């Protein structure tokens, strides 16, 4: 979610995942995927920066969420509940060796 300002000065929070397009006409108009439009006082560049910052914070904070080992090891016993599995980062050296071996 990003915090924006209406032309009236009131602040609101917008789910940036719903943004389809941002136009500068010269006012900044944000169009959402459902057709809703918001005119904001932030510039086009400021909206882009807010979205980038929000998404980078999500990626950065994901490194601090430890997996729940009990949930992961026993998730197969209850197929009705969704579960997440940790994914180890692929190191460049290993990726290069694998790509080389496959060709």
PDB file of N, CA and C in Angstrom:
ATOM      1  N   UNK A   1       0.842  -1.172   0.000  1.00  0.00           N
ATOM      2  CA  UNK A   1       0.000   0.000   0.000  1.00  0.00           C
ATOM      3  C   UNK A   1       0.889   1.238   0.000  1.00  0.00           C
ATOM      4  N   UNK A   2       0.476   2.223  -0.766  1.00  0.00           N
ATOM      5  CA  UNK A   2       1.238   3.474  -0.822  1.00  0.00           C
ATOM      6  C   UNK A   2       0.328   4.609  -0.355  1.00  0.00           C
ATOM      7  N   UNK A   3       0.918   5.594   0.319  1.00  0.00           N
ATOM      8  CA  UNK A   3       0.157   6.728   0.803  1.00  0.00           C
ATOM      9  C   UNK A   3       0.243   7.853  -0.217  1.00  0.00           C
ATOM     10  N   UNK A   4      -0.928   8.398  -0.572  1.00  0.00           N
ATOM     11  CA  UNK A   4      -1.017   9.460  -1.568  1.00  0.00           C
ATOM     12  C   UNK A   4      -1.872  10.598  -1.033  1.00  0.00           C
ATOM     13  N   UNK A   5      -1.889  11.713  -1.785  1.00  0.00           N
ATOM     14  CA  UNK A   5      -2.635  12.897  -1.378  1.00  0.00           C
ATOM     15  C   UNK A   5      -3.584  13.318  -2.490  1.00  0.00           C
ATOM     16  N   UNK A   6      -4.852  13.462  -2.158  1.00  0.00           N
ATOM     17  CA  UNK A   6      -5.820  14.003  -3.117  1.00  0.00           C
ATOM     18  C   UNK A   6      -5.523  15.485  -3.322  1.00  0.00           C
ATOM     19  N   UNK A   7      -6.053  16.069  -4.386  1.00  0.00           N
ATOM     20  CA  UNK A   7      -5.842  17.498  -4.628  1.00  0.00           C
ATOM     21  C   UNK A   7      -6.427  18.353  -3.518  1.00  0.00           C
ATOM     22  N   UNK A   8      -7.427  17.827  -2.806  1.00  0.00           N
ATOM     23  CA  UNK A   8      -8.036  18.555  -1.686  1.00  0.00           C
ATOM     24  C   UNK A   8      -7.119  18.581  -0.461  1.00  0.00           C
ATOM     25  N   UNK A   9      -6.072  17.745  -0.482  1.00  0.00           N
ATOM     26  CA  UNK A   9      -5.146  17.689   0.643  1.00  0.00           C
ATOM     27  C   UNK A   9      -5.344  16.497   1.555  1.00  0.00           C
ATOM     28  N   UNK A  10      -6.445  15.781   1.389  1.00  0.00           N
ATOM     29  CA  UNK A  10      -6.672  14.609   2.244  1.00  0.00           C
ATOM     30  C   UNK A  10      -5.778  13.453   1.793  1.00  0.00           C
ATOM     31  N   UNK A  11      -5.299  12.705   2.780  1.00  0.00           N
ATOM     32  CA  UNK A  11      -4.395  11.575   2.512  1.00  0.00           C
ATOM     33  C   UNK A  11      -5.204  10.286   2.436  1.00  0.00           C
ATOM     34  N   UNK A  12      -4.746   9.356   1.595  1.00  0.00           N
ATOM     35  CA  UNK A  12      -5.369   8.042   1.508  1.00  0.00           C
ATOM     36  C   UNK A  12      -4.306   7.024   1.132  1.00  0.00           C
ATOM     37  N   UNK A  13      -4.635   5.768   1.332  1.00  0.00           N
ATOM     38  CA  UNK A  13      -3.711   4.675   1.042  1.00  0.00           C
ATOM     39  C   UNK A  13      -4.293   3.866  -0.106  1.00  0.00           C
ATOM     40  N   UNK A  14      -3.432   3.521  -1.059  1.00  0.00           N
ATOM     41  CA  UNK A  14      -3.869   2.819  -2.263  1.00  0.00           C
ATOM     42  C   UNK A  14      -3.108   1.510  -2.402  1.00  0.00           C
ATOM     43  N   UNK A  15      -3.818   0.459  -2.763  1.00  0.00           N
ATOM     44  CA  UNK A  15      -3.187  -0.828  -3.039  1.00  0.00           C
ATOM     45  C   UNK A  15      -2.490  -0.704  -4.390  1.00  0.00           C
ATOM     46  N   UNK A  16      -1.177  -0.614  -4.384  1.00  0.00           N
ATOM     47  CA  UNK A  16      -0.419  -0.370  -5.609  1.00  0.00           C
ATOM     48  C   UNK A  16      -0.464  -1.546  -6.572  1.00  0.00           C
ATOM     49  N   UNK A  17      -0.873  -2.722  -6.109  1.00  0.00           N
ATOM     50  CA  UNK A  17      -0.994  -3.873  -7.006  1.00  0.00           C
ATOM     51  C   UNK A  17      -2.147  -3.702  -7.993  1.00  0.00           C
ATOM     52  N   UNK A  18      -3.061  -2.786  -7.708  1.00  0.00           N
ATOM     53  CA  UNK A  18      -4.212  -2.570  -8.574  1.00  0.00           C
ATOM     54  C   UNK A  18      -3.986  -1.487  -9.620  1.00  0.00           C
ATOM     55  N   UNK A  19      -2.810  -0.847  -9.606  1.00  0.00           N
ATOM     56  CA  UNK A  19      -2.532   0.226 -10.557  1.00  0.00           C
ATOM     57  C   UNK A  19      -2.300  -0.355 -11.945  1.00  0.00           C
ATOM     58  N   UNK A  20      -3.065   0.162 -12.896  1.00  0.00           N
ATOM     59  CA  UNK A  20      -2.881  -0.232 -14.291  1.00  0.00           C
ATOM     60  C   UNK A  20      -2.041   0.798 -15.032  1.00  0.00           C
ATOM     61  N   UNK A  21      -2.290   2.085 -14.726  1.00  0.00           N
ATOM     62  CA  UNK A  21      -1.613   3.139 -15.468  1.00  0.00           C
ATOM     63  C   UNK A  21      -1.536   4.397 -14.615  1.00  0.00           C
ATOM     64  N   UNK A  22      -0.474   5.172 -14.817  1.00  0.00           N
ATOM     65  CA  UNK A  22      -0.334   6.473 -14.170  1.00  0.00           C
ATOM     66  C   UNK A  22      -0.040   7.482 -15.279  1.00  0.00           C
ATOM     67  N   UNK A  23      -0.874   8.522 -15.360  1.00  0.00           N
ATOM     68  CA  UNK A  23      -0.728   9.546 -16.398  1.00  0.00           C
ATOM     69  C   UNK A  23      -0.455  10.900 -15.758  1.00  0.00           C
ATOM     70  N   UNK A  24       0.305  11.731 -16.464  1.00  0.00           N
ATOM     71  CA  UNK A  24       0.521  13.120 -16.057  1.00  0.00           C
ATOM     72  C   UNK A  24      -0.153  13.985 -17.111  1.00  0.00           C
ATOM     73  N   UNK A  25      -1.269  14.651 -16.739  1.00  0.00           N
ATOM     74  CA  UNK A  25      -2.104  15.310 -17.756  1.00  0.00           C
ATOM     75  C   UNK A  25      -2.428  16.777 -17.507  1.00  0.00           C
ATOM     76  N   UNK A  26      -1.813  17.702 -16.907  1.00  0.00           N
ATOM     77  CA  UNK A  26      -0.598  17.661 -16.109  1.00  0.00           C
ATOM     78  C   UNK A  26      -0.805  17.127 -14.698  1.00  0.00           C
ATOM     79  N   UNK A  27      -2.083  17.054 -14.228  1.00  0.00           N
ATOM     80  CA  UNK A  27      -2.295  16.419 -12.921  1.00  0.00           C
ATOM     81  C   UNK A  27      -1.980  14.936 -13.048  1.00  0.00           C
ATOM     82  N   UNK A  28      -1.554  14.339 -11.949  1.00  0.00           N
ATOM     83  CA  UNK A  28      -1.256  12.904 -11.953  1.00  0.00           C
ATOM     84  C   UNK A  28      -2.550  12.141 -11.744  1.00  0.00           C
ATOM     85  N   UNK A  29      -2.886  11.287 -12.715  1.00  0.00           N
ATOM     86  CA  UNK A  29      -4.103  10.484 -12.664  1.00  0.00           C
ATOM     87  C   UNK A  29      -3.697   9.019 -12.602  1.00  0.00           C
ATOM     88  N   UNK A  30      -4.157   8.337 -11.558  1.00  0.00           N
ATOM     89  CA  UNK A  30      -3.866   6.915 -11.382  1.00  0.00           C
ATOM     90  C   UNK A  30      -5.113   6.134 -11.773  1.00  0.00           C
ATOM     91  N   UNK A  31      -4.968   5.235 -12.754  1.00  0.00           N
ATOM     92  CA  UNK A  31      -6.066   4.376 -13.200  1.00  0.00           C
ATOM     93  C   UNK A  31      -5.843   2.978 -12.652  1.00  0.00           C
ATOM     94  N   UNK A  32      -6.872   2.439 -12.009  1.00  0.00           N
ATOM     95  CA  UNK A  32      -6.796   1.090 -11.458  1.00  0.00           C
ATOM     96  C   UNK A  32      -7.346   0.078 -12.458  1.00  0.00           C
ATOM     97  N   UNK A  33      -7.088  -1.173 -12.195  1.00  0.00           N
ATOM     98  CA  UNK A  33      -7.516  -2.244 -13.089  1.00  0.00           C
ATOM     99  C   UNK A  33      -9.035  -2.334 -13.220  1.00  0.00           C
ATOM    100  N   UNK A  34      -9.768  -1.841 -12.218  1.00  0.00           N
ATOM    101  CA  UNK A  34     -11.237  -1.887 -12.284  1.00  0.00           C
ATOM    102  C   UNK A  34     -11.835  -0.630 -12.911  1.00  0.00           C
ATOM    103  N   UNK A  35     -10.983   0.283 -13.399  1.00  0.00           N
ATOM    104  CA  UNK A  35     -11.456   1.498 -14.051  1.00  0.00           C
ATOM    105  C   UNK A  35     -11.530   2.705 -13.135  1.00  0.00           C
ATOM    106  N   UNK A  36     -11.370   2.522 -11.829  1.00  0.00           N
ATOM    107  CA  UNK A  36     -11.383   3.639 -10.896  1.00  0.00           C
ATOM    108  C   UNK A  36     -10.195   4.544 -11.168  1.00  0.00           C
ATOM    109  N   UNK A  37     -10.425   5.863 -11.079  1.00  0.00           N
ATOM    110  CA  UNK A  37      -9.348   6.822 -11.308  1.00  0.00           C
ATOM    111  C   UNK A  37      -9.197   7.717 -10.087  1.00  0.00           C
ATOM    112  N   UNK A  38      -7.951   8.028  -9.757  1.00  0.00           N
ATOM    113  CA  UNK A  38      -7.636   8.942  -8.663  1.00  0.00           C
ATOM    114  C   UNK A  38      -6.733  10.038  -9.195  1.00  0.00           C
ATOM    115  N   UNK A  39      -7.064  11.287  -8.870  1.00  0.00           N
ATOM    116  CA  UNK A  39      -6.201  12.417  -9.200  1.00  0.00           C
ATOM    117  C   UNK A  39      -5.458  12.761  -7.917  1.00  0.00           C
ATOM    118  N   UNK A  40      -4.124  12.759  -7.991  1.00  0.00           N
ATOM    119  CA  UNK A  40      -3.309  12.973  -6.793  1.00  0.00           C
ATOM    120  C   UNK A  40      -2.348  14.129  -6.998  1.00  0.00           C
ATOM    121  N   UNK A  41      -1.878  14.680  -5.888  1.00  0.00           N
ATOM    122  CA  UNK A  41      -0.960  15.818  -5.964  1.00  0.00           C
ATOM    123  C   UNK A  41       0.492  15.380  -6.191  1.00  0.00           C
ATOM    124  N   UNK A  42       0.800  14.107  -5.931  1.00  0.00           N
ATOM    125  CA  UNK A  42       2.152  13.606  -6.165  1.00  0.00           C
ATOM    126  C   UNK A  42       2.432  13.570  -7.671  1.00  0.00           C
ATOM    127  N   UNK A  43       3.689  13.744  -8.035  1.00  0.00           N
ATOM    128  CA  UNK A  43       4.078  13.682  -9.438  1.00  0.00           C
ATOM    129  C   UNK A  43       4.157  12.225  -9.891  1.00  0.00           C
ATOM    130  N   UNK A  44       4.229  12.046 -11.186  1.00  0.00           N
ATOM    131  CA  UNK A  44       4.383  10.711 -11.760  1.00  0.00           C
ATOM    132  C   UNK A  44       5.604  10.016 -11.171  1.00  0.00           C
ATOM    133  N   UNK A  45       6.704  10.740 -11.080  1.00  0.00           N
ATOM    134  CA  UNK A  45       7.951  10.188 -10.529  1.00  0.00           C
ATOM    135  C   UNK A  45       7.793   9.802  -9.063  1.00  0.00           C
ATOM    136  N   UNK A  46       7.068  10.598  -8.295  1.00  0.00           N
ATOM    137  CA  UNK A  46       6.859  10.293  -6.882  1.00  0.00           C
ATOM    138  C   UNK A  46       5.996   9.045  -6.700  1.00  0.00           C
ATOM    139  N   UNK A  47       4.996   8.860  -7.554  1.00  0.00           N
ATOM    140  CA  UNK A  47       4.155   7.664  -7.469  1.00  0.00           C
ATOM    141  C   UNK A  47       4.992   6.427  -7.788  1.00  0.00           C
ATOM    142  N   UNK A  48       5.798   6.513  -8.840  1.00  0.00           N
ATOM    143  CA  UNK A  48       6.666   5.383  -9.201  1.00  0.00           C
ATOM    144  C   UNK A  48       7.617   5.061  -8.056  1.00  0.00           C
ATOM    145  N   UNK A  49       8.214   6.081  -7.456  1.00  0.00           N
ATOM    146  CA  UNK A  49       9.137   5.866  -6.340  1.00  0.00           C
ATOM    147  C   UNK A  49       8.432   5.225  -5.156  1.00  0.00           C
ATOM    148  N   UNK A  50       7.192   5.630  -4.873  1.00  0.00           N
ATOM    149  CA  UNK A  50       6.442   5.052  -3.764  1.00  0.00           C
ATOM    150  C   UNK A  50       6.164   3.571  -4.002  1.00  0.00           C
ATOM    151  N   UNK A  51       5.805   3.226  -5.231  1.00  0.00           N
ATOM    152  CA  UNK A  51       5.541   1.819  -5.557  1.00  0.00           C
ATOM    153  C   UNK A  51       6.832   1.009  -5.448  1.00  0.00           C
ATOM    154  N   UNK A  52       7.924   1.531  -5.973  1.00  0.00           N
ATOM    155  CA  UNK A  52       9.212   0.818  -5.889  1.00  0.00           C
ATOM    156  C   UNK A  52       9.633   0.616  -4.442  1.00  0.00           C
ATOM    157  N   UNK A  53       9.487   1.643  -3.634  1.00  0.00           N
ATOM    158  CA  UNK A  53       9.862   1.542  -2.222  1.00  0.00           C
ATOM    159  C   UNK A  53       9.010   0.495  -1.514  1.00  0.00           C
ATOM    160  N   UNK A  54       7.703   0.528  -1.752  1.00  0.00           N
ATOM    161  CA  UNK A  54       6.809  -0.434  -1.114  1.00  0.00           C
ATOM    162  C   UNK A  54       7.172  -1.861  -1.505  1.00  0.00           C
ATOM    163  N   UNK A  55       7.388  -2.103  -2.782  1.00  0.00           N
ATOM    164  CA  UNK A  55       7.713  -3.461  -3.231  1.00  0.00           C
ATOM    165  C   UNK A  55       9.082  -3.915  -2.749  1.00  0.00           C
ATOM    166  N   UNK A  56      10.040  -3.004  -2.697  1.00  0.00           N
ATOM    167  CA  UNK A  56      11.366  -3.393  -2.200  1.00  0.00           C
ATOM    168  C   UNK A  56      11.318  -3.701  -0.708  1.00  0.00           C
ATOM    169  N   UNK A  57      10.459  -2.995   0.036  1.00  0.00           N
ATOM    170  CA  UNK A  57      10.292  -3.300   1.461  1.00  0.00           C
ATOM    171  C   UNK A  57       9.716  -4.696   1.657  1.00  0.00           C
ATOM    172  N   UNK A  58       8.787  -5.088   0.814  1.00  0.00           N
ATOM    173  CA  UNK A  58       8.207  -6.435   0.910  1.00  0.00           C
ATOM    174  C   UNK A  58       9.286  -7.484   0.696  1.00  0.00           C
ATOM    175  N   UNK A  59      10.096  -7.295  -0.338  1.00  0.00           N
ATOM    176  CA  UNK A  59      11.161  -8.258  -0.632  1.00  0.00           C
ATOM    177  C   UNK A  59      12.171  -8.292   0.513  1.00  0.00           C
ATOM    178  N   UNK A  60      12.566  -7.118   1.005  1.00  0.00           N
ATOM    179  CA  UNK A  60      13.552  -7.060   2.087  1.00  0.00           C
ATOM    180  C   UNK A  60      13.021  -7.701   3.362  1.00  0.00           C
ATOM    181  N   UNK A  61      11.760  -7.438   3.701  1.00  0.00           N
ATOM    182  CA  UNK A  61      11.196  -7.986   4.932  1.00  0.00           C
ATOM    183  C   UNK A  61      10.932  -9.487   4.828  1.00  0.00           C
ATOM    184  N   UNK A  62      10.797 -10.013   3.632  1.00  0.00           N
ATOM    185  CA  UNK A  62      10.537 -11.445   3.490  1.00  0.00           C
ATOM    186  C   UNK A  62      11.702 -12.278   3.997  1.00  0.00           C
ATOM    187  N   UNK A  63      12.898 -11.713   4.032  1.00  0.00           N
ATOM    188  CA  UNK A  63      14.062 -12.431   4.548  1.00  0.00           C
ATOM    189  C   UNK A  63      13.969 -12.621   6.063  1.00  0.00           C
ATOM    190  N   UNK A  64      13.114 -11.828   6.731  1.00  0.00           N
ATOM    191  CA  UNK A  64      12.994 -11.904   8.184  1.00  0.00           C
ATOM    192  C   UNK A  64      11.847 -12.792   8.650  1.00  0.00           C
ATOM    193  N   UNK A  65      11.096 -13.385   7.740  1.00  0.00           N
ATOM    194  CA  UNK A  65       9.971 -14.233   8.116  1.00  0.00           C
ATOM    195  C   UNK A  65      10.459 -15.676   8.167  1.00  0.00           C
ATOM    196  N   UNK A  66      10.670 -16.195   9.367  1.00  0.00           N
ATOM    197  CA  UNK A  66      11.157 -17.578   9.455  1.00  0.00           C
ATOM    198  C   UNK A  66      10.037 -18.560   9.132  1.00  0.00           C
ATOM    199  N   UNK A  67      10.371 -19.634   8.424  1.00  0.00           N
ATOM    200  CA  UNK A  67       9.340 -20.635   8.152  1.00  0.00           C
ATOM    201  C   UNK A  67       8.956 -21.352   9.444  1.00  0.00           C
ATOM    202  N   UNK A  68       7.737 -21.821   9.500  1.00  0.00           N
ATOM    203  CA  UNK A  68       7.250 -22.586  10.644  1.00  0.00           C
ATOM    204  C   UNK A  68       7.544 -24.053  10.350  1.00  0.00           C
ATOM    205  N   UNK A  69       8.598 -24.629  10.957  1.00  0.00           N
ATOM    206  CA  UNK A  69       8.998 -25.995  10.619  1.00  0.00           C
ATOM    207  C   UNK A  69       7.895 -27.017  10.852  1.00  0.00           C
ATOM    208  N   UNK A  70       7.133 -26.876  11.925  1.00  0.00           N
ATOM    209  CA  UNK A  70       6.074 -27.845  12.207  1.00  0.00           C
ATOM    210  C   UNK A  70       5.033 -27.811  11.099  1.00  0.00           C
ATOM    211  N   UNK A  71       4.672 -26.611  10.684  1.00  0.00           N
ATOM    212  CA  UNK A  71       3.679 -26.468   9.624  1.00  0.00           C
ATOM    213  C   UNK A  71       4.201 -27.070   8.321  1.00  0.00           C
ATOM    214  N   UNK A  72       5.470 -26.847   8.008  1.00  0.00           N
ATOM    215  CA  UNK A  72       6.027 -27.351   6.755  1.00  0.00           C
ATOM    216  C   UNK A  72       6.157 -28.871   6.749  1.00  0.00           C
ATOM    217  N   UNK A  73       6.613 -29.439   7.856  1.00  0.00           N
ATOM    218  CA  UNK A  73       6.843 -30.872   7.885  1.00  0.00           C
ATOM    219  C   UNK A  73       5.547 -31.684   7.935  1.00  0.00           C
ATOM    220  N   UNK A  74       4.493 -31.123   8.535  1.00  0.00           N
ATOM    221  CA  UNK A  74       3.268 -31.878   8.698  1.00  0.00           C
ATOM    222  C   UNK A  74       2.130 -31.367   7.821  1.00  0.00           C
ATOM    223  N   UNK A  75       2.412 -30.464   6.903  1.00  0.00           N
ATOM    224  CA  UNK A  75       1.372 -29.894   6.051  1.00  0.00           C
ATOM    225  C   UNK A  75       0.729 -30.953   5.172  1.00  0.00           C
ATOM    226  N   UNK A  76       1.491 -31.965   4.782  1.00  0.00           N
ATOM    227  CA  UNK A  76       0.938 -32.994   3.907  1.00  0.00           C
ATOM    228  C   UNK A  76      -0.159 -33.819   4.592  1.00  0.00           C
ATOM    229  N   UNK A  77      -0.204 -33.804   5.937  1.00  0.00           N
ATOM    230  CA  UNK A  77      -1.218 -34.572   6.655  1.00  0.00           C
ATOM    231  C   UNK A  77      -2.597 -33.936   6.529  1.00  0.00           C
ATOM    232  N   UNK A  78      -2.646 -32.626   6.370  1.00  0.00           N
ATOM    233  CA  UNK A  78      -3.913 -31.907   6.241  1.00  0.00           C
ATOM    234  C   UNK A  78      -3.918 -31.187   4.894  1.00  0.00           C
ATOM    235  N   UNK A  79      -4.384 -31.833   3.872  1.00  0.00           N
ATOM    236  CA  UNK A  79      -4.355 -31.266   2.524  1.00  0.00           C
ATOM    237  C   UNK A  79      -5.324 -30.093   2.348  1.00  0.00           C
ATOM    238  N   UNK A  80      -6.230 -29.886   3.303  1.00  0.00           N
ATOM    239  CA  UNK A  80      -7.186 -28.785   3.196  1.00  0.00           C
ATOM    240  C   UNK A  80      -6.553 -27.435   3.489  1.00  0.00           C
ATOM    241  N   UNK A  81      -5.431 -27.426   4.211  1.00  0.00           N
ATOM    242  CA  UNK A  81      -4.817 -26.145   4.555  1.00  0.00           C
ATOM    243  C   UNK A  81      -3.681 -25.830   3.585  1.00  0.00           C
ATOM    244  N   UNK A  82      -3.666 -24.596   3.055  1.00  0.00           N
ATOM    245  CA  UNK A  82      -2.573 -24.209   2.159  1.00  0.00           C
ATOM    246  C   UNK A  82      -1.282 -24.057   2.953  1.00  0.00           C
ATOM    247  N   UNK A  83      -0.167 -24.236   2.295  1.00  0.00           N
ATOM    248  CA  UNK A  83       1.110 -24.086   2.985  1.00  0.00           C
ATOM    249  C   UNK A  83       2.153 -23.521   2.040  1.00  0.00           C
ATOM    250  N   UNK A  84       3.175 -22.966   2.626  1.00  0.00           N
ATOM    251  CA  UNK A  84       4.294 -22.411   1.875  1.00  0.00           C
ATOM    252  C   UNK A  84       5.533 -23.237   2.162  1.00  0.00           C
ATOM    253  N   UNK A  85       6.364 -23.369   1.184  1.00  0.00           N
ATOM    254  CA  UNK A  85       7.622 -24.082   1.361  1.00  0.00           C
ATOM    255  C   UNK A  85       8.763 -23.106   1.134  1.00  0.00           C
ATOM    256  N   UNK A  86       9.799 -23.149   1.973  1.00  0.00           N
ATOM    257  CA  UNK A  86      10.933 -22.238   1.762  1.00  0.00           C
ATOM    258  C   UNK A  86      11.677 -22.620   0.486  1.00  0.00           C
ATOM    259  N   UNK A  87      12.180 -21.622  -0.188  1.00  0.00           N
ATOM    260  CA  UNK A  87      12.946 -21.843  -1.407  1.00  0.00           C
ATOM    261  C   UNK A  87      14.339 -21.276  -1.176  1.00  0.00           C
ATOM    262  N   UNK A  88      15.340 -22.121  -1.322  1.00  0.00           N
ATOM    263  CA  UNK A  88      16.722 -21.679  -1.121  1.00  0.00           C
ATOM    264  C   UNK A  88      17.161 -20.869  -2.333  1.00  0.00           C
ATOM    265  N   UNK A  89      17.900 -19.775  -2.106  1.00  0.00           N
ATOM    266  CA  UNK A  89      18.382 -18.992  -3.243  1.00  0.00           C
ATOM    267  C   UNK A  89      19.364 -19.807  -4.076  1.00  0.00           C
ATOM    268  N   UNK A  90      19.293 -19.648  -5.366  1.00  0.00           N
ATOM    269  CA  UNK A  90      20.176 -20.349  -6.284  1.00  0.00           C
ATOM    270  C   UNK A  90      21.434 -19.514  -6.445  1.00  0.00           C
ATOM    271  N   UNK A  91      22.579 -20.088  -6.095  1.00  0.00           N
ATOM    272  CA  UNK A  91      23.839 -19.357  -6.200  1.00  0.00           C
ATOM    273  C   UNK A  91      24.286 -19.340  -7.643  1.00  0.00           C
ATOM    274  N   UNK A  92      24.931 -18.259  -8.048  1.00  0.00           N
ATOM    275  CA  UNK A  92      25.342 -18.098  -9.441  1.00  0.00           C
ATOM    276  C   UNK A  92      26.277 -19.209  -9.904  1.00  0.00           C
ATOM    277  N   UNK A  93      27.191 -19.631  -9.035  1.00  0.00           N
ATOM    278  CA  UNK A  93      28.133 -20.676  -9.443  1.00  0.00           C
ATOM    279  C   UNK A  93      27.389 -21.968  -9.765  1.00  0.00           C
ATOM    280  N   UNK A  94      26.430 -22.332  -8.901  1.00  0.00           N
ATOM    281  CA  UNK A  94      25.673 -23.560  -9.110  1.00  0.00           C
ATOM    282  C   UNK A  94      24.815 -23.442 -10.361  1.00  0.00           C
ATOM    283  N   UNK A  95      24.227 -22.277 -10.584  1.00  0.00           N
ATOM    284  CA  UNK A  95      23.393 -22.076 -11.768  1.00  0.00           C
ATOM    285  C   UNK A  95      24.240 -22.184 -13.028  1.00  0.00           C
ATOM    286  N   UNK A  96      25.434 -21.625 -12.993  1.00  0.00           N
ATOM    287  CA  UNK A  96      26.316 -21.691 -14.157  1.00  0.00           C
ATOM    288  C   UNK A  96      26.727 -23.119 -14.464  1.00  0.00           C
ATOM    289  N   UNK A  97      27.028 -23.898 -13.437  1.00  0.00           N
ATOM    290  CA  UNK A  97      27.417 -25.300 -13.642  1.00  0.00           C
ATOM    291  C   UNK A  97      26.228 -26.080 -14.211  1.00  0.00           C
ATOM    292  N   UNK A  98      25.034 -25.835 -13.670  1.00  0.00           N
ATOM    293  CA  UNK A  98      23.862 -26.570 -14.133  1.00  0.00           C
ATOM    294  C   UNK A  98      23.559 -26.231 -15.584  1.00  0.00           C
ATOM    295  N   UNK A  99      23.607 -24.920 -15.940  1.00  0.00           N
ATOM    296  CA  UNK A  99      23.361 -24.524 -17.308  1.00  0.00           C
ATOM    297  C   UNK A  99      24.386 -25.133 -18.250  1.00  0.00           C
ATOM    298  N   UNK A 100      25.612 -25.193 -17.797  1.00  0.00           N
ATOM    299  CA  UNK A 100      26.690 -25.741 -18.621  1.00  0.00           C
ATOM    300  C   UNK A 100      26.484 -27.249 -18.838  1.00  0.00           C
ATOM    301  N   UNK A 101      26.030 -27.946 -17.786  1.00  0.00           N
ATOM    302  CA  UNK A 101      25.820 -29.393 -17.869  1.00  0.00           C
ATOM    303  C   UNK A 101      24.641 -29.745 -18.778  1.00  0.00           C
ATOM    304  N   UNK A 102      23.613 -28.877 -18.797  1.00  0.00           N
ATOM    305  CA  UNK A 102      22.427 -29.157 -19.588  1.00  0.00           C
ATOM    306  C   UNK A 102      22.657 -28.968 -21.073  1.00  0.00           C
ATOM    307  N   UNK A 103      23.629 -28.145 -21.446  1.00  0.00           N
ATOM    308  CA  UNK A 103      23.844 -27.870 -22.869  1.00  0.00           C
ATOM    309  C   UNK A 103      24.793 -28.846 -23.524  1.00  0.00           C
TER     310      UNK A 103
END
